[in-house]
């Protein structure tokens, strides 16, 4: 399963959030052998940026590990509103 998590952050909080997300993703990637990406929309709107975390080919139980990592990193302090999670699975396995 692949996880796509998107949320908003105020322009003023972007640097602090980046400093928290990058090491969190590095630890999750190393601990769970997951490829992690961090993205954002190119434009800000009304002083808000939209960011997306991507976690590809996650193992069973990854959702709980991600929730714990987010809480430990304190991401809620820099996000504006909820984190929205979308989960996708492959229709056809890669050859």
PDB file of N, CA and C in Angstrom:
ATOM      1  N   UNK A   1       0.838  -1.178   0.000  1.00  0.00           N
ATOM      2  CA  UNK A   1       0.000   0.000   0.000  1.00  0.00           C
ATOM      3  C   UNK A   1       0.882   1.240   0.000  1.00  0.00           C
ATOM      4  N   UNK A   2       0.412   2.250  -0.683  1.00  0.00           N
ATOM      5  CA  UNK A   2       1.090   3.542  -0.714  1.00  0.00           C
ATOM      6  C   UNK A   2       0.232   4.547   0.041  1.00  0.00           C
ATOM      7  N   UNK A   3       0.866   5.351   0.876  1.00  0.00           N
ATOM      8  CA  UNK A   3       0.177   6.379   1.650  1.00  0.00           C
ATOM      9  C   UNK A   3       0.489   7.745   1.058  1.00  0.00           C
ATOM     10  N   UNK A   4      -0.544   8.563   0.903  1.00  0.00           N
ATOM     11  CA  UNK A   4      -0.418   9.944   0.454  1.00  0.00           C
ATOM     12  C   UNK A   4      -1.101  10.800   1.511  1.00  0.00           C
ATOM     13  N   UNK A   5      -0.328  11.636   2.189  1.00  0.00           N
ATOM     14  CA  UNK A   5      -0.865  12.464   3.262  1.00  0.00           C
ATOM     15  C   UNK A   5      -0.672  13.923   2.881  1.00  0.00           C
ATOM     16  N   UNK A   6      -1.765  14.667   2.814  1.00  0.00           N
ATOM     17  CA  UNK A   6      -1.649  16.077   2.458  1.00  0.00           C
ATOM     18  C   UNK A   6      -2.262  16.942   3.548  1.00  0.00           C
ATOM     19  N   UNK A   7      -1.717  18.146   3.640  1.00  0.00           N
ATOM     20  CA  UNK A   7      -2.142  19.077   4.684  1.00  0.00           C
ATOM     21  C   UNK A   7      -1.652  20.464   4.320  1.00  0.00           C
ATOM     22  N   UNK A   8      -2.084  21.454   5.102  1.00  0.00           N
ATOM     23  CA  UNK A   8      -1.664  22.827   4.862  1.00  0.00           C
ATOM     24  C   UNK A   8      -0.751  23.309   5.978  1.00  0.00           C
ATOM     25  N   UNK A   9       0.101  24.248   5.597  1.00  0.00           N
ATOM     26  CA  UNK A   9       1.018  24.877   6.543  1.00  0.00           C
ATOM     27  C   UNK A   9       1.104  26.365   6.203  1.00  0.00           C
ATOM     28  N   UNK A  10       1.157  27.200   7.223  1.00  0.00           N
ATOM     29  CA  UNK A  10       1.334  28.633   7.002  1.00  0.00           C
ATOM     30  C   UNK A  10       2.742  28.877   6.465  1.00  0.00           C
ATOM     31  N   UNK A  11       2.871  29.852   5.567  1.00  0.00           N
ATOM     32  CA  UNK A  11       4.190  30.207   5.039  1.00  0.00           C
ATOM     33  C   UNK A  11       5.193  30.404   6.177  1.00  0.00           C
ATOM     34  N   UNK A  12       4.760  31.071   7.236  1.00  0.00           N
ATOM     35  CA  UNK A  12       5.650  31.380   8.355  1.00  0.00           C
ATOM     36  C   UNK A  12       6.124  30.144   9.118  1.00  0.00           C
ATOM     37  N   UNK A  13       5.382  29.037   9.014  1.00  0.00           N
ATOM     38  CA  UNK A  13       5.732  27.807   9.742  1.00  0.00           C
ATOM     39  C   UNK A  13       6.437  26.772   8.870  1.00  0.00           C
ATOM     40  N   UNK A  14       6.627  27.066   7.596  1.00  0.00           N
ATOM     41  CA  UNK A  14       7.162  26.074   6.656  1.00  0.00           C
ATOM     42  C   UNK A  14       8.557  25.601   7.046  1.00  0.00           C
ATOM     43  N   UNK A  15       9.438  26.485   7.422  1.00  0.00           N
ATOM     44  CA  UNK A  15      10.808  26.082   7.764  1.00  0.00           C
ATOM     45  C   UNK A  15      10.824  25.180   9.000  1.00  0.00           C
ATOM     46  N   UNK A  16      10.020  25.499   9.998  1.00  0.00           N
ATOM     47  CA  UNK A  16       9.959  24.666  11.207  1.00  0.00           C
ATOM     48  C   UNK A  16       9.383  23.293  10.894  1.00  0.00           C
ATOM     49  N   UNK A  17       8.352  23.257  10.069  1.00  0.00           N
ATOM     50  CA  UNK A  17       7.764  21.978   9.701  1.00  0.00           C
ATOM     51  C   UNK A  17       8.755  21.139   8.906  1.00  0.00           C
ATOM     52  N   UNK A  18       9.454  21.766   7.978  1.00  0.00           N
ATOM     53  CA  UNK A  18      10.453  21.045   7.185  1.00  0.00           C
ATOM     54  C   UNK A  18      11.515  20.423   8.089  1.00  0.00           C
ATOM     55  N   UNK A  19      11.956  21.167   9.083  1.00  0.00           N
ATOM     56  CA  UNK A  19      12.976  20.673  10.009  1.00  0.00           C
ATOM     57  C   UNK A  19      12.480  19.487  10.835  1.00  0.00           C
ATOM     58  N   UNK A  20      11.182  19.342  10.982  1.00  0.00           N
ATOM     59  CA  UNK A  20      10.617  18.217  11.733  1.00  0.00           C
ATOM     60  C   UNK A  20      10.289  17.032  10.822  1.00  0.00           C
ATOM     61  N   UNK A  21       9.779  17.297   9.620  1.00  0.00           N
ATOM     62  CA  UNK A  21       9.341  16.220   8.730  1.00  0.00           C
ATOM     63  C   UNK A  21      10.525  15.451   8.151  1.00  0.00           C
ATOM     64  N   UNK A  22      11.570  16.141   7.743  1.00  0.00           N
ATOM     65  CA  UNK A  22      12.694  15.472   7.076  1.00  0.00           C
ATOM     66  C   UNK A  22      13.312  14.380   7.960  1.00  0.00           C
ATOM     67  N   UNK A  23      13.676  14.661   9.210  1.00  0.00           N
ATOM     68  CA  UNK A  23      14.233  13.573  10.026  1.00  0.00           C
ATOM     69  C   UNK A  23      13.203  12.489  10.364  1.00  0.00           C
ATOM     70  N   UNK A  24      11.932  12.880  10.487  1.00  0.00           N
ATOM     71  CA  UNK A  24      10.899  11.884  10.750  1.00  0.00           C
ATOM     72  C   UNK A  24      10.821  10.891   9.592  1.00  0.00           C
ATOM     73  N   UNK A  25      10.801  11.428   8.364  1.00  0.00           N
ATOM     74  CA  UNK A  25      10.738  10.550   7.200  1.00  0.00           C
ATOM     75  C   UNK A  25      11.990   9.705   7.063  1.00  0.00           C
ATOM     76  N   UNK A  26      13.142  10.268   7.357  1.00  0.00           N
ATOM     77  CA  UNK A  26      14.387   9.507   7.276  1.00  0.00           C
ATOM     78  C   UNK A  26      14.349   8.314   8.237  1.00  0.00           C
ATOM     79  N   UNK A  27      13.857   8.545   9.444  1.00  0.00           N
ATOM     80  CA  UNK A  27      13.764   7.463  10.427  1.00  0.00           C
ATOM     81  C   UNK A  27      12.747   6.409  10.003  1.00  0.00           C
ATOM     82  N   UNK A  28      11.596   6.848   9.516  1.00  0.00           N
ATOM     83  CA  UNK A  28      10.582   5.890   9.046  1.00  0.00           C
ATOM     84  C   UNK A  28      11.110   5.075   7.870  1.00  0.00           C
ATOM     85  N   UNK A  29      11.772   5.737   6.938  1.00  0.00           N
ATOM     86  CA  UNK A  29      12.315   5.042   5.783  1.00  0.00           C
ATOM     87  C   UNK A  29      13.331   3.985   6.178  1.00  0.00           C
ATOM     88  N   UNK A  30      14.220   4.332   7.088  1.00  0.00           N
ATOM     89  CA  UNK A  30      15.249   3.390   7.534  1.00  0.00           C
ATOM     90  C   UNK A  30      14.649   2.241   8.350  1.00  0.00           C
ATOM     91  N   UNK A  31      13.719   2.564   9.226  1.00  0.00           N
ATOM     92  CA  UNK A  31      13.147   1.563  10.127  1.00  0.00           C
ATOM     93  C   UNK A  31      12.224   0.577   9.402  1.00  0.00           C
ATOM     94  N   UNK A  32      11.517   1.052   8.361  1.00  0.00           N
ATOM     95  CA  UNK A  32      10.502   0.223   7.715  1.00  0.00           C
ATOM     96  C   UNK A  32      10.806  -0.089   6.254  1.00  0.00           C
ATOM     97  N   UNK A  33      11.987   0.292   5.771  1.00  0.00           N
ATOM     98  CA  UNK A  33      12.387   0.066   4.378  1.00  0.00           C
ATOM     99  C   UNK A  33      11.339   0.603   3.405  1.00  0.00           C
ATOM    100  N   UNK A  34      10.954   1.857   3.646  1.00  0.00           N
ATOM    101  CA  UNK A  34       9.927   2.519   2.848  1.00  0.00           C
ATOM    102  C   UNK A  34      10.560   3.712   2.133  1.00  0.00           C
ATOM    103  N   UNK A  35      10.208   3.895   0.862  1.00  0.00           N
ATOM    104  CA  UNK A  35      10.645   5.079   0.122  1.00  0.00           C
ATOM    105  C   UNK A  35       9.725   6.245   0.492  1.00  0.00           C
ATOM    106  N   UNK A  36      10.315   7.329   0.968  1.00  0.00           N
ATOM    107  CA  UNK A  36       9.548   8.496   1.413  1.00  0.00           C
ATOM    108  C   UNK A  36       9.824   9.675   0.490  1.00  0.00           C
ATOM    109  N   UNK A  37       8.797  10.484   0.282  1.00  0.00           N
ATOM    110  CA  UNK A  37       8.940  11.721  -0.472  1.00  0.00           C
ATOM    111  C   UNK A  37       8.194  12.821   0.264  1.00  0.00           C
ATOM    112  N   UNK A  38       8.670  14.051   0.084  1.00  0.00           N
ATOM    113  CA  UNK A  38       7.993  15.221   0.619  1.00  0.00           C
ATOM    114  C   UNK A  38       7.809  16.188  -0.538  1.00  0.00           C
ATOM    115  N   UNK A  39       6.569  16.615  -0.747  1.00  0.00           N
ATOM    116  CA  UNK A  39       6.240  17.486  -1.878  1.00  0.00           C
ATOM    117  C   UNK A  39       5.404  18.662  -1.381  1.00  0.00           C
ATOM    118  N   UNK A  40       5.342  19.691  -2.227  1.00  0.00           N
ATOM    119  CA  UNK A  40       4.420  20.793  -1.950  1.00  0.00           C
ATOM    120  C   UNK A  40       3.936  21.359  -3.267  1.00  0.00           C
ATOM    121  N   UNK A  41       2.758  21.944  -3.215  1.00  0.00           N
ATOM    122  CA  UNK A  41       2.255  22.636  -4.405  1.00  0.00           C
ATOM    123  C   UNK A  41       3.186  23.809  -4.686  1.00  0.00           C
ATOM    124  N   UNK A  42       3.401  24.126  -5.954  1.00  0.00           N
ATOM    125  CA  UNK A  42       4.340  25.206  -6.265  1.00  0.00           C
ATOM    126  C   UNK A  42       3.872  26.584  -5.811  1.00  0.00           C
ATOM    127  N   UNK A  43       2.572  26.780  -5.699  1.00  0.00           N
ATOM    128  CA  UNK A  43       2.076  28.099  -5.314  1.00  0.00           C
ATOM    129  C   UNK A  43       1.494  28.055  -3.898  1.00  0.00           C
ATOM    130  N   UNK A  44       1.614  29.186  -3.215  1.00  0.00           N
ATOM    131  CA  UNK A  44       0.943  29.361  -1.928  1.00  0.00           C
ATOM    132  C   UNK A  44      -0.317  30.174  -2.191  1.00  0.00           C
ATOM    133  N   UNK A  45      -1.317  29.939  -1.377  1.00  0.00           N
ATOM    134  CA  UNK A  45      -2.579  30.664  -1.538  1.00  0.00           C
ATOM    135  C   UNK A  45      -2.979  31.227  -0.180  1.00  0.00           C
ATOM    136  N   UNK A  46      -3.151  32.527  -0.126  1.00  0.00           N
ATOM    137  CA  UNK A  46      -3.556  33.204   1.113  1.00  0.00           C
ATOM    138  C   UNK A  46      -2.602  32.889   2.271  1.00  0.00           C
ATOM    139  N   UNK A  47      -1.304  32.835   1.955  1.00  0.00           N
ATOM    140  CA  UNK A  47      -0.301  32.590   2.985  1.00  0.00           C
ATOM    141  C   UNK A  47      -0.212  31.155   3.446  1.00  0.00           C
ATOM    142  N   UNK A  48      -0.841  30.242   2.687  1.00  0.00           N
ATOM    143  CA  UNK A  48      -0.850  28.825   3.053  1.00  0.00           C
ATOM    144  C   UNK A  48      -0.223  27.993   1.931  1.00  0.00           C
ATOM    145  N   UNK A  49       0.552  26.999   2.326  1.00  0.00           N
ATOM    146  CA  UNK A  49       1.125  26.046   1.388  1.00  0.00           C
ATOM    147  C   UNK A  49       0.443  24.693   1.592  1.00  0.00           C
ATOM    148  N   UNK A  50       0.350  23.918   0.531  1.00  0.00           N
ATOM    149  CA  UNK A  50      -0.149  22.548   0.635  1.00  0.00           C
ATOM    150  C   UNK A  50       1.027  21.608   0.447  1.00  0.00           C
ATOM    151  N   UNK A  51       1.221  20.739   1.415  1.00  0.00           N
ATOM    152  CA  UNK A  51       2.325  19.774   1.400  1.00  0.00           C
ATOM    153  C   UNK A  51       1.757  18.366   1.290  1.00  0.00           C
ATOM    154  N   UNK A  52       2.602  17.463   0.792  1.00  0.00           N
ATOM    155  CA  UNK A  52       2.219  16.063   0.705  1.00  0.00           C
ATOM    156  C   UNK A  52       3.403  15.181   1.086  1.00  0.00           C
ATOM    157  N   UNK A  53       3.133  14.236   1.968  1.00  0.00           N
ATOM    158  CA  UNK A  53       4.090  13.183   2.294  1.00  0.00           C
ATOM    159  C   UNK A  53       3.659  11.932   1.534  1.00  0.00           C
ATOM    160  N   UNK A  54       4.626  11.230   0.950  1.00  0.00           N
ATOM    161  CA  UNK A  54       4.351  10.003   0.208  1.00  0.00           C
ATOM    162  C   UNK A  54       5.201   8.886   0.805  1.00  0.00           C
ATOM    163  N   UNK A  55       4.565   7.750   1.047  1.00  0.00           N
ATOM    164  CA  UNK A  55       5.238   6.566   1.571  1.00  0.00           C
ATOM    165  C   UNK A  55       4.851   5.399   0.675  1.00  0.00           C
ATOM    166  N   UNK A  56       5.807   4.875  -0.086  1.00  0.00           N
ATOM    167  CA  UNK A  56       5.523   3.844  -1.082  1.00  0.00           C
ATOM    168  C   UNK A  56       5.832   2.447  -0.544  1.00  0.00           C
ATOM    169  N   UNK A  57       4.993   1.512  -0.961  1.00  0.00           N
ATOM    170  CA  UNK A  57       5.181   0.089  -0.663  1.00  0.00           C
ATOM    171  C   UNK A  57       5.386  -0.142   0.838  1.00  0.00           C
ATOM    172  N   UNK A  58       4.426   0.296   1.614  1.00  0.00           N
ATOM    173  CA  UNK A  58       4.544   0.206   3.072  1.00  0.00           C
ATOM    174  C   UNK A  58       4.214  -1.200   3.572  1.00  0.00           C
ATOM    175  N   UNK A  59       4.854  -1.608   4.653  1.00  0.00           N
ATOM    176  CA  UNK A  59       4.561  -2.918   5.229  1.00  0.00           C
ATOM    177  C   UNK A  59       3.312  -2.868   6.104  1.00  0.00           C
ATOM    178  N   UNK A  60       2.833  -4.020   6.480  1.00  0.00           N
ATOM    179  CA  UNK A  60       1.701  -4.132   7.393  1.00  0.00           C
ATOM    180  C   UNK A  60       2.041  -3.404   8.698  1.00  0.00           C
ATOM    181  N   UNK A  61       1.091  -2.677   9.232  1.00  0.00           N
ATOM    182  CA  UNK A  61       1.294  -1.966  10.481  1.00  0.00           C
ATOM    183  C   UNK A  61       1.934  -0.596  10.332  1.00  0.00           C
ATOM    184  N   UNK A  62       2.194  -0.174   9.095  1.00  0.00           N
ATOM    185  CA  UNK A  62       2.879   1.102   8.891  1.00  0.00           C
ATOM    186  C   UNK A  62       2.033   2.283   9.352  1.00  0.00           C
ATOM    187  N   UNK A  63       0.729   2.221   9.199  1.00  0.00           N
ATOM    188  CA  UNK A  63      -0.130   3.344   9.593  1.00  0.00           C
ATOM    189  C   UNK A  63       0.065   3.701  11.064  1.00  0.00           C
ATOM    190  N   UNK A  64       0.143   2.710  11.915  1.00  0.00           N
ATOM    191  CA  UNK A  64       0.347   2.967  13.347  1.00  0.00           C
ATOM    192  C   UNK A  64       1.728   3.566  13.597  1.00  0.00           C
ATOM    193  N   UNK A  65       2.733   3.063  12.897  1.00  0.00           N
ATOM    194  CA  UNK A  65       4.088   3.609  13.042  1.00  0.00           C
ATOM    195  C   UNK A  65       4.140   5.057  12.578  1.00  0.00           C
ATOM    196  N   UNK A  66       3.444   5.366  11.496  1.00  0.00           N
ATOM    197  CA  UNK A  66       3.400   6.733  10.986  1.00  0.00           C
ATOM    198  C   UNK A  66       2.701   7.651  11.983  1.00  0.00           C
ATOM    199  N   UNK A  67       1.573   7.227  12.507  1.00  0.00           N
ATOM    200  CA  UNK A  67       0.854   8.040  13.497  1.00  0.00           C
ATOM    201  C   UNK A  67       1.738   8.332  14.705  1.00  0.00           C
ATOM    202  N   UNK A  68       2.460   7.327  15.180  1.00  0.00           N
ATOM    203  CA  UNK A  68       3.344   7.514  16.333  1.00  0.00           C
ATOM    204  C   UNK A  68       4.482   8.476  15.996  1.00  0.00           C
ATOM    205  N   UNK A  69       5.037   8.359  14.804  1.00  0.00           N
ATOM    206  CA  UNK A  69       6.137   9.235  14.393  1.00  0.00           C
ATOM    207  C   UNK A  69       5.668  10.682  14.265  1.00  0.00           C
ATOM    208  N   UNK A  70       4.481  10.877  13.721  1.00  0.00           N
ATOM    209  CA  UNK A  70       3.918  12.227  13.584  1.00  0.00           C
ATOM    210  C   UNK A  70       3.725  12.856  14.962  1.00  0.00           C
ATOM    211  N   UNK A  71       3.192  12.087  15.897  1.00  0.00           N
ATOM    212  CA  UNK A  71       2.984  12.599  17.259  1.00  0.00           C
ATOM    213  C   UNK A  71       4.320  12.917  17.921  1.00  0.00           C
ATOM    214  N   UNK A  72       5.286  12.020  17.779  1.00  0.00           N
ATOM    215  CA  UNK A  72       6.591  12.227  18.401  1.00  0.00           C
ATOM    216  C   UNK A  72       7.297  13.450  17.804  1.00  0.00           C
ATOM    217  N   UNK A  73       7.152  13.672  16.511  1.00  0.00           N
ATOM    218  CA  UNK A  73       7.791  14.812  15.854  1.00  0.00           C
ATOM    219  C   UNK A  73       7.057  16.125  16.146  1.00  0.00           C
ATOM    220  N   UNK A  74       5.843  16.038  16.670  1.00  0.00           N
ATOM    221  CA  UNK A  74       5.079  17.243  17.008  1.00  0.00           C
ATOM    222  C   UNK A  74       4.603  18.036  15.808  1.00  0.00           C
ATOM    223  N   UNK A  75       4.286  17.352  14.714  1.00  0.00           N
ATOM    224  CA  UNK A  75       3.917  18.049  13.485  1.00  0.00           C
ATOM    225  C   UNK A  75       2.666  18.907  13.625  1.00  0.00           C
ATOM    226  N   UNK A  76       1.785  18.559  14.527  1.00  0.00           N
ATOM    227  CA  UNK A  76       0.543  19.322  14.693  1.00  0.00           C
ATOM    228  C   UNK A  76       0.815  20.776  15.061  1.00  0.00           C
ATOM    229  N   UNK A  77       1.974  21.062  15.644  1.00  0.00           N
ATOM    230  CA  UNK A  77       2.308  22.436  16.026  1.00  0.00           C
ATOM    231  C   UNK A  77       2.478  23.344  14.814  1.00  0.00           C
ATOM    232  N   UNK A  78       2.787  22.758  13.641  1.00  0.00           N
ATOM    233  CA  UNK A  78       3.074  23.570  12.459  1.00  0.00           C
ATOM    234  C   UNK A  78       2.106  23.348  11.309  1.00  0.00           C
ATOM    235  N   UNK A  79       1.161  22.440  11.453  1.00  0.00           N
ATOM    236  CA  UNK A  79       0.185  22.227  10.387  1.00  0.00           C
ATOM    237  C   UNK A  79      -1.074  23.011  10.701  1.00  0.00           C
ATOM    238  N   UNK A  80      -1.719  23.489   9.660  1.00  0.00           N
ATOM    239  CA  UNK A  80      -2.954  24.255   9.803  1.00  0.00           C
ATOM    240  C   UNK A  80      -4.113  23.346   9.404  1.00  0.00           C
ATOM    241  N   UNK A  81      -4.787  22.804  10.379  1.00  0.00           N
ATOM    242  CA  UNK A  81      -5.890  21.892  10.082  1.00  0.00           C
ATOM    243  C   UNK A  81      -5.432  20.448  10.073  1.00  0.00           C
ATOM    244  N   UNK A  82      -6.321  19.564   9.664  1.00  0.00           N
ATOM    245  CA  UNK A  82      -6.032  18.126   9.734  1.00  0.00           C
ATOM    246  C   UNK A  82      -5.109  17.638   8.623  1.00  0.00           C
ATOM    247  N   UNK A  83      -4.504  16.498   8.887  1.00  0.00           N
ATOM    248  CA  UNK A  83      -3.757  15.757   7.884  1.00  0.00           C
ATOM    249  C   UNK A  83      -4.759  14.820   7.214  1.00  0.00           C
ATOM    250  N   UNK A  84      -4.771  14.800   5.897  1.00  0.00           N
ATOM    251  CA  UNK A  84      -5.686  13.946   5.141  1.00  0.00           C
ATOM    252  C   UNK A  84      -4.880  12.796   4.559  1.00  0.00           C
ATOM    253  N   UNK A  85      -5.307  11.574   4.826  1.00  0.00           N
ATOM    254  CA  UNK A  85      -4.574  10.396   4.372  1.00  0.00           C
ATOM    255  C   UNK A  85      -5.373   9.658   3.313  1.00  0.00           C
ATOM    256  N   UNK A  86      -4.715   9.359   2.220  1.00  0.00           N
ATOM    257  CA  UNK A  86      -5.270   8.539   1.144  1.00  0.00           C
ATOM    258  C   UNK A  86      -4.367   7.319   1.007  1.00  0.00           C
ATOM    259  N   UNK A  87      -4.962   6.150   0.835  1.00  0.00           N
ATOM    260  CA  UNK A  87      -4.208   4.902   0.700  1.00  0.00           C
ATOM    261  C   UNK A  87      -4.569   4.273  -0.636  1.00  0.00           C
ATOM    262  N   UNK A  88      -3.553   3.876  -1.388  1.00  0.00           N
ATOM    263  CA  UNK A  88      -3.748   3.245  -2.690  1.00  0.00           C
ATOM    264  C   UNK A  88      -2.985   1.929  -2.735  1.00  0.00           C
ATOM    265  N   UNK A  89      -3.520   0.984  -3.474  1.00  0.00           N
ATOM    266  CA  UNK A  89      -2.827  -0.270  -3.726  1.00  0.00           C
ATOM    267  C   UNK A  89      -2.616  -0.431  -5.222  1.00  0.00           C
ATOM    268  N   UNK A  90      -1.615  -1.228  -5.580  1.00  0.00           N
ATOM    269  CA  UNK A  90      -1.346  -1.480  -6.995  1.00  0.00           C
ATOM    270  C   UNK A  90      -2.424  -2.381  -7.584  1.00  0.00           C
ATOM    271  N   UNK A  91      -2.840  -2.058  -8.798  1.00  0.00           N
ATOM    272  CA  UNK A  91      -3.783  -2.919  -9.505  1.00  0.00           C
ATOM    273  C   UNK A  91      -3.048  -4.093 -10.149  1.00  0.00           C
ATOM    274  N   UNK A  92      -1.887  -3.793 -10.710  1.00  0.00           N
ATOM    275  CA  UNK A  92      -1.070  -4.806 -11.349  1.00  0.00           C
ATOM    276  C   UNK A  92       0.323  -4.706 -10.764  1.00  0.00           C
ATOM    277  N   UNK A  93       0.845  -5.783 -10.226  1.00  0.00           N
ATOM    278  CA  UNK A  93       2.203  -5.719  -9.660  1.00  0.00           C
ATOM    279  C   UNK A  93       3.231  -5.378 -10.743  1.00  0.00           C
ATOM    280  N   UNK A  94       4.238  -4.632 -10.349  1.00  0.00           N
ATOM    281  CA  UNK A  94       5.314  -4.305 -11.275  1.00  0.00           C
ATOM    282  C   UNK A  94       6.117  -5.568 -11.589  1.00  0.00           C
ATOM    283  N   UNK A  95       6.533  -5.671 -12.828  1.00  0.00           N
ATOM    284  CA  UNK A  95       7.305  -6.863 -13.232  1.00  0.00           C
ATOM    285  C   UNK A  95       8.740  -6.722 -12.832  1.00  0.00           C
TER     286      UNK A  95
END
